[in-house]
Every structure is written in C-alpha cells, then in structure tokens.
Amino acid sequence: MAPGNSFGTITVNGAFSMAAASTFEVEVDAAGNHDKVVVNGTVNLTGATLKVLAADGAYRNSTDYVIIANDGTDSVKGKFGSVFTNLAFLIPTVDYAGGTGNDVVLNLERNATLFQDVAQTKNQKAVAGALDEFPTNNPLFLAVLNQTADGARQASMRCRARSTRRWQARSWTTAAMRARRCWAA
C-alpha cells in the first residue's frame, strides 16, 4: 500500500489492517512532508513491512512523521515486522503510541554505519574517512549523512575530483588530508 505519489493521504473509515505479507510504502522528505493514512476506526499491524522512501535533503533526527493518524481512543494493535529505508546512514524508528497517544509515528535517527563502510574505492575511503571525523553539525557531514549508499559514493568522488584539480594530490594519505579542505571550501 502506498498512500500517494509524492505525499498523499488516504482516509480509511473503518478498520485498517495490514497482514504480515503486506507492505506499507511511505515517502518522506527533509521538510517534514510525508505520506499518511488517516484511520477512523481500529488499526492492526500484524507484522507488515514498512518501507520508507526518503527524498534527498538534510534530515534532522527530531523530525516526526505521523504516518498513521488514528482518530479515536483505541490503541494500535501489533507492529511492523520489518522497517527499511533507502538512506544509508539514518535508521527509521517507529513509535506506536506517538502523536496524540495512539498514532504511528516514524522518526529517522543516525545509525552506526560510518561513511567509510559504504565506500568502495581508495578515493572514496579517503574522503569518507575524513568526513567521518567532521562534527555532526557540519553542513558537509549532514549532506553525506542524508544520502543513499550510492549517493554517498558519488559525493565523495565529486570531492575527490575537486581535490585533484586543486592540489594535484599524488597519494591517498595526501588526498585524505586535502579532502578536509575540499569540503571546507
């Protein structure tokens, strides 16, 4: 089930149930926009899969997305069996008693994956290693944080290319040291 193409809302008047074999696909963006189901009845999630499709952007860890707005006093029954996202460095967490106390709320939080963990080439590893040491509030750190694994690899290659043009780096060690300057420029 997907509530919309680029942030839609579906209203269910009655019971909303998702079985273990079903998938709830939710699109979100860094500005807080997201797909949503508004339920005027009971909510039962019996091991369904939640698939979070995050658009490009600078996500904050504190952004909540009410993905299922439950109207009444009845609590959500069951939980998602698995939760996935396309972002490499943010993990989705789900609160089944969020919002007004009985809504399903999604939040994206930093996981333990280092930028170096998704790097494939020596160049990418050099740049990623430098970025892993940046302060977590640095705009360049945040730009890579909010990427898919492929996006992070491409970002490190763009920086490496800039680094090569500017300084004509000859070794991986030099490239890593200069990558810090590249991101600061």
C-alpha atoms as a PDB file:
ATOM      1  CA  MET A   1       0.000   0.000   0.000  1.00  0.00           C
ATOM      2  CA  ALA A   2       1.267   3.476  -0.877  1.00  0.00           C
ATOM      3  CA  PRO A   3      -0.862   6.482   0.143  1.00  0.00           C
ATOM      4  CA  GLY A   4       0.240   8.597  -2.785  1.00  0.00           C
ATOM      5  CA  ASN A   5       2.757   9.571  -5.354  1.00  0.00           C
ATOM      6  CA  SER A   6       4.739  12.355  -3.725  1.00  0.00           C
ATOM      7  CA  PHE A   7       2.983  12.746  -0.414  1.00  0.00           C
ATOM      8  CA  GLY A   8      -0.579  11.586  -0.414  1.00  0.00           C
ATOM      9  CA  THR A   9      -3.176  10.938   2.251  1.00  0.00           C
ATOM     10  CA  ILE A  10      -5.670   8.091   2.316  1.00  0.00           C
ATOM     11  CA  THR A  11      -8.619   8.157   4.708  1.00  0.00           C
ATOM     12  CA  VAL A  12     -10.000   4.842   5.969  1.00  0.00           C
ATOM     13  CA  ASN A  13     -13.471   4.913   7.542  1.00  0.00           C
ATOM     14  CA  GLY A  14     -13.427   1.649   9.460  1.00  0.00           C
ATOM     15  CA  ALA A  15     -10.762  -0.871  10.406  1.00  0.00           C
ATOM     16  CA  PHE A  16      -7.283  -0.571   8.885  1.00  0.00           C
ATOM     17  CA  SER A  17      -5.403  -3.879   8.907  1.00  0.00           C
ATOM     18  CA  MET A  18      -2.123  -4.906   7.333  1.00  0.00           C
ATOM     19  CA  ALA A  19      -1.158  -8.584   7.317  1.00  0.00           C
ATOM     20  CA  ALA A  20       2.391  -9.940   7.510  1.00  0.00           C
ATOM     21  CA  ALA A  21       2.648 -10.302   3.718  1.00  0.00           C
ATOM     22  CA  SER A  22       1.735  -6.655   3.060  1.00  0.00           C
ATOM     23  CA  THR A  23       3.977  -3.612   2.621  1.00  0.00           C
ATOM     24  CA  PHE A  24       3.231  -0.043   3.658  1.00  0.00           C
ATOM     25  CA  GLU A  25       5.323   2.262   1.470  1.00  0.00           C
ATOM     26  CA  VAL A  26       5.777   5.794   2.807  1.00  0.00           C
ATOM     27  CA  GLU A  27       7.514   8.700   1.090  1.00  0.00           C
ATOM     28  CA  VAL A  28       9.109  11.353   3.325  1.00  0.00           C
ATOM     29  CA  ASP A  29      11.241  14.439   2.804  1.00  0.00           C
ATOM     30  CA  ALA A  30      13.521  16.550   4.970  1.00  0.00           C
ATOM     31  CA  ALA A  31      10.952  19.357   5.221  1.00  0.00           C
ATOM     32  CA  GLY A  32       8.571  17.057   7.111  1.00  0.00           C
ATOM     33  CA  ASN A  33       6.250  16.185   4.218  1.00  0.00           C
ATOM     34  CA  HIS A  34       5.126  12.563   4.088  1.00  0.00           C
ATOM     35  CA  ASP A  35       2.501  10.047   3.069  1.00  0.00           C
ATOM     36  CA  LYS A  36      -0.176   9.319   5.635  1.00  0.00           C
ATOM     37  CA  VAL A  37      -3.187   7.156   6.369  1.00  0.00           C
ATOM     38  CA  VAL A  38      -5.966   8.722   8.463  1.00  0.00           C
ATOM     39  CA  VAL A  39      -7.968   5.990  10.190  1.00  0.00           C
ATOM     40  CA  ASN A  40     -11.473   6.467  11.579  1.00  0.00           C
ATOM     41  CA  GLY A  41     -11.542   3.053  13.230  1.00  0.00           C
ATOM     42  CA  THR A  42      -9.125   0.468  14.552  1.00  0.00           C
ATOM     43  CA  VAL A  43      -5.517  -0.044  13.418  1.00  0.00           C
ATOM     44  CA  ASN A  44      -3.997  -3.520  13.275  1.00  0.00           C
ATOM     45  CA  LEU A  45      -0.445  -4.032  12.014  1.00  0.00           C
ATOM     46  CA  THR A  46       0.288  -7.738  12.073  1.00  0.00           C
ATOM     47  CA  GLY A  47       3.935  -7.935  11.043  1.00  0.00           C
ATOM     48  CA  ALA A  48       3.609  -5.912   7.837  1.00  0.00           C
ATOM     49  CA  THR A  49       6.693  -4.323   6.272  1.00  0.00           C
ATOM     50  CA  LEU A  50       7.243  -0.553   6.443  1.00  0.00           C
ATOM     51  CA  LYS A  51       9.291   0.708   3.504  1.00  0.00           C
ATOM     52  CA  VAL A  52      10.455   4.322   3.921  1.00  0.00           C
ATOM     53  CA  LEU A  53      11.388   6.101   0.683  1.00  0.00           C
ATOM     54  CA  ALA A  54      13.274   9.233   1.690  1.00  0.00           C
ATOM     55  CA  ALA A  55      13.742  12.048  -0.812  1.00  0.00           C
ATOM     56  CA  ASP A  56      17.061  13.892  -0.983  1.00  0.00           C
ATOM     57  CA  GLY A  57      17.534  16.564   1.659  1.00  0.00           C
ATOM     58  CA  ALA A  58      19.073  17.452   5.007  1.00  0.00           C
ATOM     59  CA  TYR A  59      17.106  15.416   7.559  1.00  0.00           C
ATOM     60  CA  ARG A  60      17.009  16.266  11.245  1.00  0.00           C
ATOM     61  CA  ASN A  61      16.886  13.449  13.758  1.00  0.00           C
ATOM     62  CA  SER A  62      14.000  15.102  15.567  1.00  0.00           C
ATOM     63  CA  THR A  63      11.534  15.209  12.675  1.00  0.00           C
ATOM     64  CA  ASP A  64       8.459  13.128  13.411  1.00  0.00           C
ATOM     65  CA  TYR A  65       6.224  11.824  10.648  1.00  0.00           C
ATOM     66  CA  VAL A  66       2.713  10.772  11.711  1.00  0.00           C
ATOM     67  CA  ILE A  67       2.271   8.063   9.091  1.00  0.00           C
ATOM     68  CA  ILE A  68      -0.929   6.599  10.565  1.00  0.00           C
ATOM     69  CA  ALA A  69      -3.234   9.084  12.293  1.00  0.00           C
ATOM     70  CA  ASN A  70      -5.618   7.069  14.464  1.00  0.00           C
ATOM     71  CA  ASP A  71      -8.760   9.042  15.280  1.00  0.00           C
ATOM     72  CA  GLY A  72     -10.077   7.577  18.459  1.00  0.00           C
ATOM     73  CA  THR A  73      -9.073   6.266  21.808  1.00  0.00           C
ATOM     74  CA  ASP A  74      -8.282   2.752  20.596  1.00  0.00           C
ATOM     75  CA  SER A  75      -4.613   1.810  20.625  1.00  0.00           C
ATOM     76  CA  VAL A  76      -2.670   0.455  17.663  1.00  0.00           C
ATOM     77  CA  LYS A  77      -2.587  -3.334  17.725  1.00  0.00           C
ATOM     78  CA  GLY A  78       0.529  -5.119  16.514  1.00  0.00           C
ATOM     79  CA  LYS A  79       3.698  -3.733  14.979  1.00  0.00           C
ATOM     80  CA  PHE A  80       5.542  -3.673  11.693  1.00  0.00           C
ATOM     81  CA  GLY A  81       7.561  -6.856  11.304  1.00  0.00           C
ATOM     82  CA  SER A  82      10.356  -5.058   9.473  1.00  0.00           C
ATOM     83  CA  VAL A  83      11.237  -1.461   8.656  1.00  0.00           C
ATOM     84  CA  PHE A  84      13.530  -0.396   5.800  1.00  0.00           C
ATOM     85  CA  THR A  85      14.766   2.880   4.327  1.00  0.00           C
ATOM     86  CA  ASN A  86      16.769   3.837   1.257  1.00  0.00           C
ATOM     87  CA  LEU A  87      19.091   6.058   3.339  1.00  0.00           C
ATOM     88  CA  ALA A  88      22.434   4.508   4.286  1.00  0.00           C
ATOM     89  CA  PHE A  89      23.167   6.439   7.487  1.00  0.00           C
ATOM     90  CA  LEU A  90      19.742   7.015   9.052  1.00  0.00           C
ATOM     91  CA  ILE A  91      17.624   4.285  10.587  1.00  0.00           C
ATOM     92  CA  PRO A  92      13.856   4.521  10.850  1.00  0.00           C
ATOM     93  CA  THR A  93      12.319   4.058  14.285  1.00  0.00           C
ATOM     94  CA  VAL A  94       8.599   3.697  14.883  1.00  0.00           C
ATOM     95  CA  ASP A  95       6.515   4.791  17.876  1.00  0.00           C
ATOM     96  CA  TYR A  96       3.138   3.031  18.013  1.00  0.00           C
ATOM     97  CA  ALA A  97       1.769   5.320  20.727  1.00  0.00           C
ATOM     98  CA  GLY A  98       3.007   8.636  19.323  1.00  0.00           C
ATOM     99  CA  GLY A  99       1.265  11.795  18.227  1.00  0.00           C
ATOM    100  CA  THR A 100      -1.929  12.015  20.252  1.00  0.00           C
ATOM    101  CA  GLY A 101      -1.110   8.753  22.023  1.00  0.00           C
ATOM    102  CA  ASN A 102      -2.423   6.241  19.514  1.00  0.00           C
ATOM    103  CA  ASP A 103      -0.814   7.293  16.233  1.00  0.00           C
ATOM    104  CA  VAL A 104       2.013   5.546  14.377  1.00  0.00           C
ATOM    105  CA  VAL A 105       4.958   7.950  14.200  1.00  0.00           C
ATOM    106  CA  LEU A 106       8.130   7.473  12.157  1.00  0.00           C
ATOM    107  CA  ASN A 107      11.451   9.108  13.065  1.00  0.00           C
ATOM    108  CA  LEU A 108      14.799   8.894  11.262  1.00  0.00           C
ATOM    109  CA  GLU A 109      17.831   8.604  13.562  1.00  0.00           C
ATOM    110  CA  ARG A 110      21.572   8.298  12.940  1.00  0.00           C
ATOM    111  CA  ASN A 111      22.725   4.683  12.786  1.00  0.00           C
ATOM    112  CA  ALA A 112      26.215   3.287  13.489  1.00  0.00           C
ATOM    113  CA  THR A 113      27.229   2.975   9.817  1.00  0.00           C
ATOM    114  CA  LEU A 114      30.350   5.004   9.071  1.00  0.00           C
ATOM    115  CA  PHE A 115      30.742   6.784   5.746  1.00  0.00           C
ATOM    116  CA  GLN A 116      33.783   4.557   5.172  1.00  0.00           C
ATOM    117  CA  ASP A 117      31.565   1.475   5.481  1.00  0.00           C
ATOM    118  CA  VAL A 118      29.856   2.191   2.148  1.00  0.00           C
ATOM    119  CA  ALA A 119      32.977   3.411   0.320  1.00  0.00           C
ATOM    120  CA  GLN A 120      34.259   1.069  -2.370  1.00  0.00           C
ATOM    121  CA  THR A 121      37.369   2.688  -3.827  1.00  0.00           C
ATOM    122  CA  LYS A 122      40.506   4.056  -2.186  1.00  0.00           C
ATOM    123  CA  ASN A 123      39.456   7.573  -3.159  1.00  0.00           C
ATOM    124  CA  GLN A 124      36.031   7.151  -1.599  1.00  0.00           C
ATOM    125  CA  LYS A 125      37.523   5.652   1.560  1.00  0.00           C
ATOM    126  CA  ALA A 126      39.966   8.544   1.911  1.00  0.00           C
ATOM    127  CA  VAL A 127      37.248  11.170   1.593  1.00  0.00           C
ATOM    128  CA  ALA A 128      34.788   9.192   3.734  1.00  0.00           C
ATOM    129  CA  GLY A 129      37.394   8.744   6.470  1.00  0.00           C
ATOM    130  CA  ALA A 130      37.932  12.483   6.637  1.00  0.00           C
ATOM    131  CA  LEU A 131      34.176  13.144   6.696  1.00  0.00           C
ATOM    132  CA  ASP A 132      33.621  10.608   9.480  1.00  0.00           C
ATOM    133  CA  GLU A 133      35.712  12.884  11.714  1.00  0.00           C
ATOM    134  CA  PHE A 134      33.769  16.061  10.923  1.00  0.00           C
ATOM    135  CA  PRO A 135      31.483  17.493  13.627  1.00  0.00           C
ATOM    136  CA  THR A 136      27.961  16.074  13.264  1.00  0.00           C
ATOM    137  CA  ASN A 137      26.510  19.560  12.775  1.00  0.00           C
ATOM    138  CA  ASN A 138      28.839  20.350   9.856  1.00  0.00           C
ATOM    139  CA  PRO A 139      26.820  21.041   6.658  1.00  0.00           C
ATOM    140  CA  LEU A 140      29.027  18.712   4.611  1.00  0.00           C
ATOM    141  CA  PHE A 141      28.702  15.905   7.157  1.00  0.00           C
ATOM    142  CA  LEU A 142      24.923  16.387   7.062  1.00  0.00           C
ATOM    143  CA  ALA A 143      24.890  16.427   3.252  1.00  0.00           C
ATOM    144  CA  VAL A 144      26.503  12.980   3.116  1.00  0.00           C
ATOM    145  CA  LEU A 145      24.525  11.719   6.125  1.00  0.00           C
ATOM    146  CA  ASN A 146      21.305  12.125   4.165  1.00  0.00           C
ATOM    147  CA  GLN A 147      22.369  10.035   1.191  1.00  0.00           C
ATOM    148  CA  THR A 148      21.804   6.570  -0.091  1.00  0.00           C
ATOM    149  CA  ALA A 149      24.960   4.444  -0.247  1.00  0.00           C
ATOM    150  CA  ASP A 150      25.309   5.215  -3.979  1.00  0.00           C
ATOM    151  CA  GLY A 151      24.736   8.921  -3.364  1.00  0.00           C
ATOM    152  CA  ALA A 152      27.433   8.998  -0.677  1.00  0.00           C
ATOM    153  CA  ARG A 153      29.909   7.293  -3.009  1.00  0.00           C
ATOM    154  CA  GLN A 154      29.147   9.803  -5.770  1.00  0.00           C
ATOM    155  CA  ALA A 155      29.518  12.726  -3.350  1.00  0.00           C
ATOM    156  CA  SER A 156      32.946  11.507  -2.261  1.00  0.00           C
ATOM    157  CA  MET A 157      34.024  11.190  -5.889  1.00  0.00           C
ATOM    158  CA  ARG A 158      32.935  14.775  -6.626  1.00  0.00           C
ATOM    159  CA  CYS A 159      35.016  15.982  -3.704  1.00  0.00           C
ATOM    160  CA  ARG A 160      37.948  13.833  -4.790  1.00  0.00           C
ATOM    161  CA  ALA A 161      37.751  15.312  -8.295  1.00  0.00           C
ATOM    162  CA  ARG A 162      37.769  18.839  -6.858  1.00  0.00           C
ATOM    163  CA  SER A 163      40.655  17.872  -4.612  1.00  0.00           C
ATOM    164  CA  THR A 164      42.659  16.518  -7.538  1.00  0.00           C
ATOM    165  CA  ARG A 165      42.074  19.598  -9.677  1.00  0.00           C
ATOM    166  CA  ARG A 166      43.009  21.974  -6.882  1.00  0.00           C
ATOM    167  CA  TRP A 167      46.010  20.271  -5.379  1.00  0.00           C
ATOM    168  CA  GLN A 168      47.070  17.518  -7.807  1.00  0.00           C
ATOM    169  CA  ALA A 169      47.246  15.001  -4.975  1.00  0.00           C
ATOM    170  CA  ARG A 170      49.713  12.159  -5.555  1.00  0.00           C
ATOM    171  CA  SER A 171      48.991   9.805  -2.654  1.00  0.00           C
ATOM    172  CA  TRP A 172      45.974   8.507  -0.759  1.00  0.00           C
ATOM    173  CA  THR A 173      47.241   9.967   2.508  1.00  0.00           C
ATOM    174  CA  THR A 174      47.595  13.389   0.948  1.00  0.00           C
ATOM    175  CA  ALA A 175      44.165  13.003  -0.647  1.00  0.00           C
ATOM    176  CA  ALA A 176      42.577  12.258   2.724  1.00  0.00           C
ATOM    177  CA  MET A 177      44.181  15.290   4.340  1.00  0.00           C
ATOM    178  CA  ARG A 178      43.202  17.505   1.439  1.00  0.00           C
ATOM    179  CA  ALA A 179      39.666  16.151   1.379  1.00  0.00           C
ATOM    180  CA  ARG A 180      39.062  18.008   4.635  1.00  0.00           C
ATOM    181  CA  ARG A 181      39.995  21.252   2.925  1.00  0.00           C
ATOM    182  CA  CYS A 182      37.877  20.327  -0.092  1.00  0.00           C
ATOM    183  CA  TRP A 183      34.726  20.059   1.993  1.00  0.00           C
ATOM    184  CA  ALA A 184      35.509  23.264   3.838  1.00  0.00           C
ATOM    185  CA  ALA A 185      35.917  25.232   0.586  1.00  0.00           C
END
